[in-house]
Amino acid sequence: LGASGETGVGLEDTMWPLIGEGLVDLVATDHQVCDGVRLEAA
């Protein structure tokens, strides 16, 4: 994403620190978060 320039945001400042601390949990685009809450691919 950063290489493609699609985000327009410096990922080094926004996402890498969160990933480095283990605070990002990557999930599938059809992930069931909990009963009654789910993601839908778009």
PDB file of all heavy atoms in Angstrom:
ATOM      1  N   LEU A   1       0.831  -1.205   0.000  1.00  0.00           N
ATOM      2  CA  LEU A   1       0.000   0.000   0.000  1.00  0.00           C
ATOM      3  C   LEU A   1       0.863   1.253   0.000  1.00  0.00           C
ATOM      4  O   LEU A   1       0.610   2.195  -0.748  1.00  0.00           O
ATOM      5  CB  LEU A   1      -0.929   0.026   1.206  1.00  0.00           C
ATOM      6  CG  LEU A   1      -2.131  -0.888   1.152  1.00  0.00           C
ATOM      7  CD1 LEU A   1      -2.836  -0.880   2.498  1.00  0.00           C
ATOM      8  CD2 LEU A   1      -3.075  -0.486   0.047  1.00  0.00           C
ATOM      9  N   GLY A   2       1.868   1.260   0.840  1.00  0.00           N
ATOM     10  CA  GLY A   2       2.744   2.422   0.917  1.00  0.00           C
ATOM     11  C   GLY A   2       3.499   2.647  -0.375  1.00  0.00           C
ATOM     12  O   GLY A   2       3.639   3.766  -0.851  1.00  0.00           O
ATOM     13  N   ALA A   3       3.956   1.565  -1.016  1.00  0.00           N
ATOM     14  CA  ALA A   3       4.701   1.681  -2.265  1.00  0.00           C
ATOM     15  C   ALA A   3       3.816   2.156  -3.391  1.00  0.00           C
ATOM     16  O   ALA A   3       4.257   2.867  -4.281  1.00  0.00           O
ATOM     17  CB  ALA A   3       5.334   0.335  -2.618  1.00  0.00           C
ATOM     18  N   SER A   4       2.547   1.776  -3.359  1.00  0.00           N
ATOM     19  CA  SER A   4       1.652   2.158  -4.446  1.00  0.00           C
ATOM     20  C   SER A   4       1.160   3.588  -4.291  1.00  0.00           C
ATOM     21  O   SER A   4       0.614   4.160  -5.216  1.00  0.00           O
ATOM     22  CB  SER A   4       0.440   1.218  -4.489  1.00  0.00           C
ATOM     23  OG  SER A   4      -0.393   1.443  -3.372  1.00  0.00           O
ATOM     24  N   GLY A   5       1.320   4.163  -3.088  1.00  0.00           N
ATOM     25  CA  GLY A   5       0.852   5.520  -2.851  1.00  0.00           C
ATOM     26  C   GLY A   5      -0.656   5.613  -2.721  1.00  0.00           C
ATOM     27  O   GLY A   5      -1.220   6.694  -2.719  1.00  0.00           O
ATOM     28  N   GLU A   6      -1.350   4.470  -2.598  1.00  0.00           N
ATOM     29  CA  GLU A   6      -2.811   4.479  -2.565  1.00  0.00           C
ATOM     30  C   GLU A   6      -3.374   5.108  -1.299  1.00  0.00           C
ATOM     31  O   GLU A   6      -4.462   5.643  -1.309  1.00  0.00           O
ATOM     32  CB  GLU A   6      -3.354   3.055  -2.679  1.00  0.00           C
ATOM     33  CG  GLU A   6      -3.154   2.455  -4.043  1.00  0.00           C
ATOM     34  CD  GLU A   6      -3.684   1.035  -4.098  1.00  0.00           C
ATOM     35  OE1 GLU A   6      -4.599   0.709  -3.334  1.00  0.00           O
ATOM     36  OE2 GLU A   6      -3.180   0.265  -4.911  1.00  0.00           O
ATOM     37  N   THR A   7      -2.649   5.028  -0.216  1.00  0.00           N
ATOM     38  CA  THR A   7      -3.221   5.489   1.040  1.00  0.00           C
ATOM     39  C   THR A   7      -3.058   6.983   1.248  1.00  0.00           C
ATOM     40  O   THR A   7      -3.861   7.599   1.921  1.00  0.00           O
ATOM     41  CB  THR A   7      -2.580   4.768   2.238  1.00  0.00           C
ATOM     42  OG1 THR A   7      -1.200   5.103   2.269  1.00  0.00           O
ATOM     43  CG2 THR A   7      -2.771   3.275   2.144  1.00  0.00           C
ATOM     44  N   GLY A   8      -2.009   7.571   0.699  1.00  0.00           N
ATOM     45  CA  GLY A   8      -1.766   8.988   0.914  1.00  0.00           C
ATOM     46  C   GLY A   8      -1.359   9.292   2.352  1.00  0.00           C
ATOM     47  O   GLY A   8      -1.324  10.429   2.766  1.00  0.00           O
ATOM     48  N   VAL A   9      -1.058   8.265   3.132  1.00  0.00           N
ATOM     49  CA  VAL A   9      -0.696   8.429   4.531  1.00  0.00           C
ATOM     50  C   VAL A   9       0.655   7.777   4.749  1.00  0.00           C
ATOM     51  O   VAL A   9       0.939   6.723   4.190  1.00  0.00           O
ATOM     52  CB  VAL A   9      -1.746   7.746   5.445  1.00  0.00           C
ATOM     53  CG1 VAL A   9      -1.321   7.797   6.894  1.00  0.00           C
ATOM     54  CG2 VAL A   9      -3.101   8.376   5.238  1.00  0.00           C
ATOM     55  N   GLY A  10       1.497   8.393   5.554  1.00  0.00           N
ATOM     56  CA  GLY A  10       2.776   7.781   5.878  1.00  0.00           C
ATOM     57  C   GLY A  10       2.566   6.601   6.802  1.00  0.00           C
ATOM     58  O   GLY A  10       2.358   6.768   7.996  1.00  0.00           O
ATOM     59  N   LEU A  11       2.585   5.403   6.249  1.00  0.00           N
ATOM     60  CA  LEU A  11       2.318   4.209   7.041  1.00  0.00           C
ATOM     61  C   LEU A  11       3.362   3.988   8.128  1.00  0.00           C
ATOM     62  O   LEU A  11       3.065   3.367   9.145  1.00  0.00           O
ATOM     63  CB  LEU A  11       2.221   2.985   6.131  1.00  0.00           C
ATOM     64  CG  LEU A  11       1.067   3.007   5.143  1.00  0.00           C
ATOM     65  CD1 LEU A  11       1.128   1.788   4.230  1.00  0.00           C
ATOM     66  CD2 LEU A  11      -0.261   3.042   5.866  1.00  0.00           C
ATOM     67  N   GLU A  12       4.556   4.516   7.909  1.00  0.00           N
ATOM     68  CA  GLU A  12       5.596   4.353   8.928  1.00  0.00           C
ATOM     69  C   GLU A  12       5.154   4.989  10.245  1.00  0.00           C
ATOM     70  O   GLU A  12       5.465   4.507  11.316  1.00  0.00           O
ATOM     71  CB  GLU A  12       6.910   5.015   8.503  1.00  0.00           C
ATOM     72  CG  GLU A  12       7.389   4.742   7.106  1.00  0.00           C
ATOM     73  CD  GLU A  12       6.648   5.532   6.031  1.00  0.00           C
ATOM     74  OE1 GLU A  12       6.288   6.712   6.221  1.00  0.00           O
ATOM     75  OE2 GLU A  12       6.407   4.938   4.978  1.00  0.00           O
ATOM     76  N   ASP A  13       4.422   6.083  10.140  1.00  0.00           N
ATOM     77  CA  ASP A  13       3.987   6.807  11.342  1.00  0.00           C
ATOM     78  C   ASP A  13       2.668   6.293  11.909  1.00  0.00           C
ATOM     79  O   ASP A  13       2.395   6.483  13.085  1.00  0.00           O
ATOM     80  CB  ASP A  13       3.802   8.299  11.028  1.00  0.00           C
ATOM     81  CG  ASP A  13       5.108   8.968  10.670  1.00  0.00           C
ATOM     82  OD1 ASP A  13       6.171   8.428  11.025  1.00  0.00           O
ATOM     83  OD2 ASP A  13       5.063  10.024  10.016  1.00  0.00           O
ATOM     84  N   THR A  14       1.836   5.687  11.060  1.00  0.00           N
ATOM     85  CA  THR A  14       0.492   5.339  11.510  1.00  0.00           C
ATOM     86  C   THR A  14       0.320   3.859  11.819  1.00  0.00           C
ATOM     87  O   THR A  14      -0.251   3.515  12.846  1.00  0.00           O
ATOM     88  CB  THR A  14      -0.551   5.746  10.453  1.00  0.00           C
ATOM     89  OG1 THR A  14      -0.237   5.113   9.218  1.00  0.00           O
ATOM     90  CG2 THR A  14      -0.583   7.258  10.269  1.00  0.00           C
ATOM     91  N   MET A  15       0.774   3.001  10.939  1.00  0.00           N
ATOM     92  CA  MET A  15       0.493   1.569  11.113  1.00  0.00           C
ATOM     93  C   MET A  15       1.660   0.763  11.678  1.00  0.00           C
ATOM     94  O   MET A  15       1.458  -0.134  12.487  1.00  0.00           O
ATOM     95  CB  MET A  15       0.049   0.953   9.788  1.00  0.00           C
ATOM     96  CG  MET A  15      -1.299   1.457   9.319  1.00  0.00           C
ATOM     97  SD  MET A  15      -2.646   1.184  10.503  1.00  0.00           S
ATOM     98  CE  MET A  15      -2.733  -0.593  10.552  1.00  0.00           C
ATOM     99  N   TRP A  16       2.872   1.046  11.239  1.00  0.00           N
ATOM    100  CA  TRP A  16       4.003   0.234  11.683  1.00  0.00           C
ATOM    101  C   TRP A  16       4.157   0.206  13.192  1.00  0.00           C
ATOM    102  O   TRP A  16       4.415  -0.863  13.762  1.00  0.00           O
ATOM    103  CB  TRP A  16       5.291   0.685  11.003  1.00  0.00           C
ATOM    104  CG  TRP A  16       5.369   0.221   9.571  1.00  0.00           C
ATOM    105  CD1 TRP A  16       5.397   1.002   8.466  1.00  0.00           C
ATOM    106  CD2 TRP A  16       5.404  -1.124   9.105  1.00  0.00           C
ATOM    107  NE1 TRP A  16       5.434   0.231   7.333  1.00  0.00           N
ATOM    108  CE2 TRP A  16       5.443  -1.089   7.693  1.00  0.00           C
ATOM    109  CE3 TRP A  16       5.383  -2.368   9.735  1.00  0.00           C
ATOM    110  CZ2 TRP A  16       5.474  -2.234   6.916  1.00  0.00           C
ATOM    111  CZ3 TRP A  16       5.421  -3.514   8.946  1.00  0.00           C
ATOM    112  CH2 TRP A  16       5.469  -3.438   7.566  1.00  0.00           C
ATOM    113  N   PRO A  17       4.007   1.320  13.890  1.00  0.00           N
ATOM    114  CA  PRO A  17       4.121   1.236  15.359  1.00  0.00           C
ATOM    115  C   PRO A  17       3.068   0.314  15.978  1.00  0.00           C
ATOM    116  O   PRO A  17       3.355  -0.416  16.925  1.00  0.00           O
ATOM    117  CB  PRO A  17       3.926   2.686  15.810  1.00  0.00           C
ATOM    118  CG  PRO A  17       4.324   3.510  14.635  1.00  0.00           C
ATOM    119  CD  PRO A  17       3.879   2.716  13.430  1.00  0.00           C
ATOM    120  N   LEU A  18       1.860   0.343  15.435  1.00  0.00           N
ATOM    121  CA  LEU A  18       0.801  -0.524  15.959  1.00  0.00           C
ATOM    122  C   LEU A  18       1.096  -1.989  15.682  1.00  0.00           C
ATOM    123  O   LEU A  18       0.900  -2.847  16.549  1.00  0.00           O
ATOM    124  CB  LEU A  18      -0.546  -0.127  15.346  1.00  0.00           C
ATOM    125  CG  LEU A  18      -1.017   1.298  15.639  1.00  0.00           C
ATOM    126  CD1 LEU A  18      -2.261   1.624  14.828  1.00  0.00           C
ATOM    127  CD2 LEU A  18      -1.257   1.487  17.122  1.00  0.00           C
ATOM    128  N   ILE A  19       1.558  -2.278  14.486  1.00  0.00           N
ATOM    129  CA  ILE A  19       1.911  -3.657  14.147  1.00  0.00           C
ATOM    130  C   ILE A  19       3.068  -4.125  15.007  1.00  0.00           C
ATOM    131  O   ILE A  19       3.052  -5.235  15.558  1.00  0.00           O
ATOM    132  CB  ILE A  19       2.250  -3.784  12.647  1.00  0.00           C
ATOM    133  CG1 ILE A  19       0.976  -3.637  11.823  1.00  0.00           C
ATOM    134  CG2 ILE A  19       2.929  -5.120  12.346  1.00  0.00           C
ATOM    135  CD1 ILE A  19       1.199  -3.585  10.329  1.00  0.00           C
ATOM    136  N   GLY A  20       4.069  -3.268  15.163  1.00  0.00           N
ATOM    137  CA  GLY A  20       5.235  -3.622  15.964  1.00  0.00           C
ATOM    138  C   GLY A  20       4.891  -3.947  17.403  1.00  0.00           C
ATOM    139  O   GLY A  20       5.543  -4.781  18.032  1.00  0.00           O
ATOM    140  N   GLU A  21       3.862  -3.331  17.933  1.00  0.00           N
ATOM    141  CA  GLU A  21       3.431  -3.581  19.309  1.00  0.00           C
ATOM    142  C   GLU A  21       2.431  -4.727  19.413  1.00  0.00           C
ATOM    143  O   GLU A  21       1.938  -5.026  20.496  1.00  0.00           O
ATOM    144  CB  GLU A  21       2.809  -2.311  19.910  1.00  0.00           C
ATOM    145  CG  GLU A  21       3.799  -1.188  20.123  1.00  0.00           C
ATOM    146  CD  GLU A  21       4.872  -1.545  21.148  1.00  0.00           C
ATOM    147  OE1 GLU A  21       4.545  -2.184  22.163  1.00  0.00           O
ATOM    148  OE2 GLU A  21       6.044  -1.192  20.904  1.00  0.00           O
ATOM    149  N   GLY A  22       2.095  -5.344  18.285  1.00  0.00           N
ATOM    150  CA  GLY A  22       1.155  -6.462  18.306  1.00  0.00           C
ATOM    151  C   GLY A  22      -0.289  -6.032  18.494  1.00  0.00           C
ATOM    152  O   GLY A  22      -1.123  -6.819  18.938  1.00  0.00           O
ATOM    153  N   LEU A  23      -0.616  -4.790  18.156  1.00  0.00           N
ATOM    154  CA  LEU A  23      -1.964  -4.266  18.367  1.00  0.00           C
ATOM    155  C   LEU A  23      -2.864  -4.396  17.144  1.00  0.00           C
ATOM    156  O   LEU A  23      -4.031  -4.028  17.210  1.00  0.00           O
ATOM    157  CB  LEU A  23      -1.885  -2.791  18.788  1.00  0.00           C
ATOM    158  CG  LEU A  23      -1.126  -2.536  20.089  1.00  0.00           C
ATOM    159  CD1 LEU A  23      -0.961  -1.043  20.322  1.00  0.00           C
ATOM    160  CD2 LEU A  23      -1.845  -3.192  21.254  1.00  0.00           C
ATOM    161  N   VAL A  24      -2.320  -4.890  16.043  1.00  0.00           N
ATOM    162  CA  VAL A  24      -3.099  -5.052  14.815  1.00  0.00           C
ATOM    163  C   VAL A  24      -3.383  -6.528  14.621  1.00  0.00           C
ATOM    164  O   VAL A  24      -2.475  -7.352  14.662  1.00  0.00           O
ATOM    165  CB  VAL A  24      -2.340  -4.476  13.591  1.00  0.00           C
ATOM    166  CG1 VAL A  24      -3.074  -4.774  12.306  1.00  0.00           C
ATOM    167  CG2 VAL A  24      -2.124  -2.986  13.763  1.00  0.00           C
ATOM    168  N   ASP A  25      -4.640  -6.843  14.434  1.00  0.00           N
ATOM    169  CA  ASP A  25      -5.046  -8.223  14.188  1.00  0.00           C
ATOM    170  C   ASP A  25      -5.663  -8.266  12.793  1.00  0.00           C
ATOM    171  O   ASP A  25      -6.778  -7.775  12.591  1.00  0.00           O
ATOM    172  CB  ASP A  25      -6.060  -8.660  15.243  1.00  0.00           C
ATOM    173  CG  ASP A  25      -6.291 -10.157  15.248  1.00  0.00           C
ATOM    174  OD1 ASP A  25      -5.513 -10.893  14.612  1.00  0.00           O
ATOM    175  OD2 ASP A  25      -7.247 -10.586  15.909  1.00  0.00           O
ATOM    176  N   LEU A  26      -4.930  -8.792  11.837  1.00  0.00           N
ATOM    177  CA  LEU A  26      -5.439  -8.871  10.474  1.00  0.00           C
ATOM    178  C   LEU A  26      -6.461  -9.992  10.381  1.00  0.00           C
ATOM    179  O   LEU A  26      -6.231 -11.098  10.870  1.00  0.00           O
ATOM    180  CB  LEU A  26      -4.289  -9.105   9.499  1.00  0.00           C
ATOM    181  CG  LEU A  26      -3.233  -8.006   9.490  1.00  0.00           C
ATOM    182  CD1 LEU A  26      -2.047  -8.405   8.636  1.00  0.00           C
ATOM    183  CD2 LEU A  26      -3.841  -6.698   9.007  1.00  0.00           C
ATOM    184  N   VAL A  27      -7.590  -9.698   9.755  1.00  0.00           N
ATOM    185  CA  VAL A  27      -8.668 -10.672   9.642  1.00  0.00           C
ATOM    186  C   VAL A  27      -9.145 -10.719   8.191  1.00  0.00           C
ATOM    187  O   VAL A  27      -8.880  -9.805   7.409  1.00  0.00           O
ATOM    188  CB  VAL A  27      -9.860 -10.328  10.575  1.00  0.00           C
ATOM    189  CG1 VAL A  27      -9.420 -10.369  12.039  1.00  0.00           C
ATOM    190  CG2 VAL A  27     -10.461  -8.981  10.236  1.00  0.00           C
ATOM    191  N   ALA A  28      -9.891 -11.742   7.866  1.00  0.00           N
ATOM    192  CA  ALA A  28     -10.465 -11.878   6.527  1.00  0.00           C
ATOM    193  C   ALA A  28     -11.565 -10.839   6.340  1.00  0.00           C
ATOM    194  O   ALA A  28     -12.148 -10.345   7.312  1.00  0.00           O
ATOM    195  CB  ALA A  28     -11.034 -13.280   6.338  1.00  0.00           C
ATOM    196  N   THR A  29     -11.864 -10.526   5.094  1.00  0.00           N
ATOM    197  CA  THR A  29     -12.879  -9.510   4.811  1.00  0.00           C
ATOM    198  C   THR A  29     -14.295  -9.996   5.105  1.00  0.00           C
ATOM    199  O   THR A  29     -15.233  -9.201   5.039  1.00  0.00           O
ATOM    200  CB  THR A  29     -12.787  -9.032   3.354  1.00  0.00           C
ATOM    201  OG1 THR A  29     -12.902 -10.155   2.490  1.00  0.00           O
ATOM    202  CG2 THR A  29     -11.474  -8.299   3.107  1.00  0.00           C
ATOM    203  N   ASP A  30     -14.462 -11.253   5.455  1.00  0.00           N
ATOM    204  CA  ASP A  30     -15.780 -11.770   5.849  1.00  0.00           C
ATOM    205  C   ASP A  30     -15.768 -12.201   7.322  1.00  0.00           C
ATOM    206  O   ASP A  30     -16.553 -13.050   7.737  1.00  0.00           O
ATOM    207  CB  ASP A  30     -16.199 -12.936   4.948  1.00  0.00           C
ATOM    208  CG  ASP A  30     -15.262 -14.135   5.061  1.00  0.00           C
ATOM    209  OD1 ASP A  30     -14.169 -14.017   5.680  1.00  0.00           O
ATOM    210  OD2 ASP A  30     -15.612 -15.194   4.520  1.00  0.00           O
ATOM    211  N   HIS A  31     -14.920 -11.584   8.101  1.00  0.00           N
ATOM    212  CA  HIS A  31     -14.710 -11.948   9.509  1.00  0.00           C
ATOM    213  C   HIS A  31     -15.960 -11.702  10.360  1.00  0.00           C
ATOM    214  O   HIS A  31     -16.623 -10.673  10.237  1.00  0.00           O
ATOM    215  CB  HIS A  31     -13.543 -11.134  10.068  1.00  0.00           C
ATOM    216  CG  HIS A  31     -13.211 -11.421  11.489  1.00  0.00           C
ATOM    217  ND1 HIS A  31     -12.652 -12.608  11.891  1.00  0.00           N
ATOM    218  CD2 HIS A  31     -13.344 -10.664  12.603  1.00  0.00           C
ATOM    219  CE1 HIS A  31     -12.464 -12.575  13.199  1.00  0.00           C
ATOM    220  NE2 HIS A  31     -12.876 -11.402  13.659  1.00  0.00           N
ATOM    221  N   GLN A  32     -16.267 -12.662  11.232  1.00  0.00           N
ATOM    222  CA  GLN A  32     -17.336 -12.519  12.225  1.00  0.00           C
ATOM    223  C   GLN A  32     -16.674 -11.976  13.484  1.00  0.00           C
ATOM    224  O   GLN A  32     -15.900 -12.682  14.135  1.00  0.00           O
ATOM    225  CB  GLN A  32     -17.996 -13.876  12.499  1.00  0.00           C
ATOM    226  CG  GLN A  32     -19.110 -13.840  13.508  1.00  0.00           C
ATOM    227  CD  GLN A  32     -20.428 -13.407  12.882  1.00  0.00           C
ATOM    228  OE1 GLN A  32     -20.681 -13.652  11.716  1.00  0.00           O
ATOM    229  NE2 GLN A  32     -21.261 -12.767  13.679  1.00  0.00           N
ATOM    230  N   VAL A  33     -16.948 -10.720  13.837  1.00  0.00           N
ATOM    231  CA  VAL A  33     -16.316 -10.082  14.982  1.00  0.00           C
ATOM    232  C   VAL A  33     -16.849 -10.690  16.277  1.00  0.00           C
ATOM    233  O   VAL A  33     -16.095 -11.040  17.171  1.00  0.00           O
ATOM    234  CB  VAL A  33     -16.541  -8.555  14.953  1.00  0.00           C
ATOM    235  CG1 VAL A  33     -15.939  -7.883  16.179  1.00  0.00           C
ATOM    236  CG2 VAL A  33     -15.970  -7.956  13.669  1.00  0.00           C
ATOM    237  N   CYS A  34     -18.169 -10.789  16.371  1.00  0.00           N
ATOM    238  CA  CYS A  34     -18.850 -11.406  17.506  1.00  0.00           C
ATOM    239  C   CYS A  34     -20.285 -11.660  17.064  1.00  0.00           C
ATOM    240  O   CYS A  34     -20.654 -11.325  15.935  1.00  0.00           O
ATOM    241  CB  CYS A  34     -18.795 -10.515  18.748  1.00  0.00           C
ATOM    242  SG  CYS A  34     -19.598  -8.916  18.550  1.00  0.00           S
ATOM    243  N   ASP A  35     -21.110 -12.233  17.942  1.00  0.00           N
ATOM    244  CA  ASP A  35     -22.513 -12.432  17.582  1.00  0.00           C
ATOM    245  C   ASP A  35     -23.126 -11.098  17.185  1.00  0.00           C
ATOM    246  O   ASP A  35     -23.062 -10.128  17.944  1.00  0.00           O
ATOM    247  CB  ASP A  35     -23.302 -13.024  18.745  1.00  0.00           C
ATOM    248  CG  ASP A  35     -22.984 -14.497  18.981  1.00  0.00           C
ATOM    249  OD1 ASP A  35     -22.395 -15.133  18.080  1.00  0.00           O
ATOM    250  OD2 ASP A  35     -23.325 -14.993  20.067  1.00  0.00           O
ATOM    251  N   GLY A  36     -23.679 -11.037  15.983  1.00  0.00           N
ATOM    252  CA  GLY A  36     -24.363  -9.841  15.532  1.00  0.00           C
ATOM    253  C   GLY A  36     -23.492  -8.788  14.875  1.00  0.00           C
ATOM    254  O   GLY A  36     -24.005  -7.767  14.415  1.00  0.00           O
ATOM    255  N   VAL A  37     -22.193  -9.004  14.819  1.00  0.00           N
ATOM    256  CA  VAL A  37     -21.295  -8.034  14.176  1.00  0.00           C
ATOM    257  C   VAL A  37     -20.344  -8.785  13.256  1.00  0.00           C
ATOM    258  O   VAL A  37     -19.627  -9.686  13.698  1.00  0.00           O
ATOM    259  CB  VAL A  37     -20.481  -7.223  15.214  1.00  0.00           C
ATOM    260  CG1 VAL A  37     -19.552  -6.233  14.521  1.00  0.00           C
ATOM    261  CG2 VAL A  37     -21.407  -6.511  16.188  1.00  0.00           C
ATOM    262  N   ARG A  38     -20.376  -8.407  11.976  1.00  0.00           N
ATOM    263  CA  ARG A  38     -19.501  -9.071  11.005  1.00  0.00           C
ATOM    264  C   ARG A  38     -19.018  -8.066   9.970  1.00  0.00           C
ATOM    265  O   ARG A  38     -19.570  -6.981   9.824  1.00  0.00           O
ATOM    266  CB  ARG A  38     -20.240 -10.215  10.318  1.00  0.00           C
ATOM    267  CG  ARG A  38     -21.430  -9.777   9.507  1.00  0.00           C
ATOM    268  CD  ARG A  38     -22.189 -10.970   8.885  1.00  0.00           C
ATOM    269  NE  ARG A  38     -23.451 -10.553   8.328  1.00  0.00           N
ATOM    270  CZ  ARG A  38     -23.618 -10.008   7.131  1.00  0.00           C
ATOM    271  NH1 ARG A  38     -22.569  -9.822   6.349  1.00  0.00           N
ATOM    272  NH2 ARG A  38     -24.811  -9.654   6.702  1.00  0.00           N
ATOM    273  N   LEU A  39     -17.984  -8.464   9.274  1.00  0.00           N
ATOM    274  CA  LEU A  39     -17.459  -7.668   8.173  1.00  0.00           C
ATOM    275  C   LEU A  39     -17.985  -8.236   6.865  1.00  0.00           C
ATOM    276  O   LEU A  39     -18.268  -9.427   6.772  1.00  0.00           O
ATOM    277  CB  LEU A  39     -15.933  -7.691   8.167  1.00  0.00           C
ATOM    278  CG  LEU A  39     -15.246  -7.208   9.444  1.00  0.00           C
ATOM    279  CD1 LEU A  39     -13.735  -7.305   9.301  1.00  0.00           C
ATOM    280  CD2 LEU A  39     -15.678  -5.801   9.795  1.00  0.00           C
ATOM    281  N   GLU A  40     -18.103  -7.367   5.885  1.00  0.00           N
ATOM    282  CA  GLU A  40     -18.570  -7.758   4.566  1.00  0.00           C
ATOM    283  C   GLU A  40     -17.606  -7.126   3.546  1.00  0.00           C
ATOM    284  O   GLU A  40     -17.389  -5.911   3.574  1.00  0.00           O
ATOM    285  CB  GLU A  40     -19.991  -7.220   4.381  1.00  0.00           C
ATOM    286  CG  GLU A  40     -20.660  -7.588   3.112  1.00  0.00           C
ATOM    287  CD  GLU A  40     -22.113  -7.123   3.130  1.00  0.00           C
ATOM    288  OE1 GLU A  40     -22.954  -7.844   3.704  1.00  0.00           O
ATOM    289  OE2 GLU A  40     -22.378  -6.033   2.601  1.00  0.00           O
ATOM    290  N   ALA A  41     -17.027  -7.951   2.684  1.00  0.00           N
ATOM    291  CA  ALA A  41     -16.077  -7.453   1.694  1.00  0.00           C
ATOM    292  C   ALA A  41     -16.716  -6.365   0.837  1.00  0.00           C
ATOM    293  O   ALA A  41     -17.877  -6.472   0.439  1.00  0.00           O
ATOM    294  CB  ALA A  41     -15.594  -8.602   0.814  1.00  0.00           C
ATOM    295  N   ALA A  42     -15.952  -5.316   0.569  1.00  0.00           N
ATOM    296  CA  ALA A  42     -16.413  -4.195  -0.256  1.00  0.00           C
ATOM    297  C   ALA A  42     -15.257  -3.753  -1.152  1.00  0.00           C
ATOM    298  O   ALA A  42     -14.731  -2.652  -1.006  1.00  0.00           O
ATOM    299  CB  ALA A  42     -16.916  -3.057   0.627  1.00  0.00           C
TER     300      ALA A  42
END
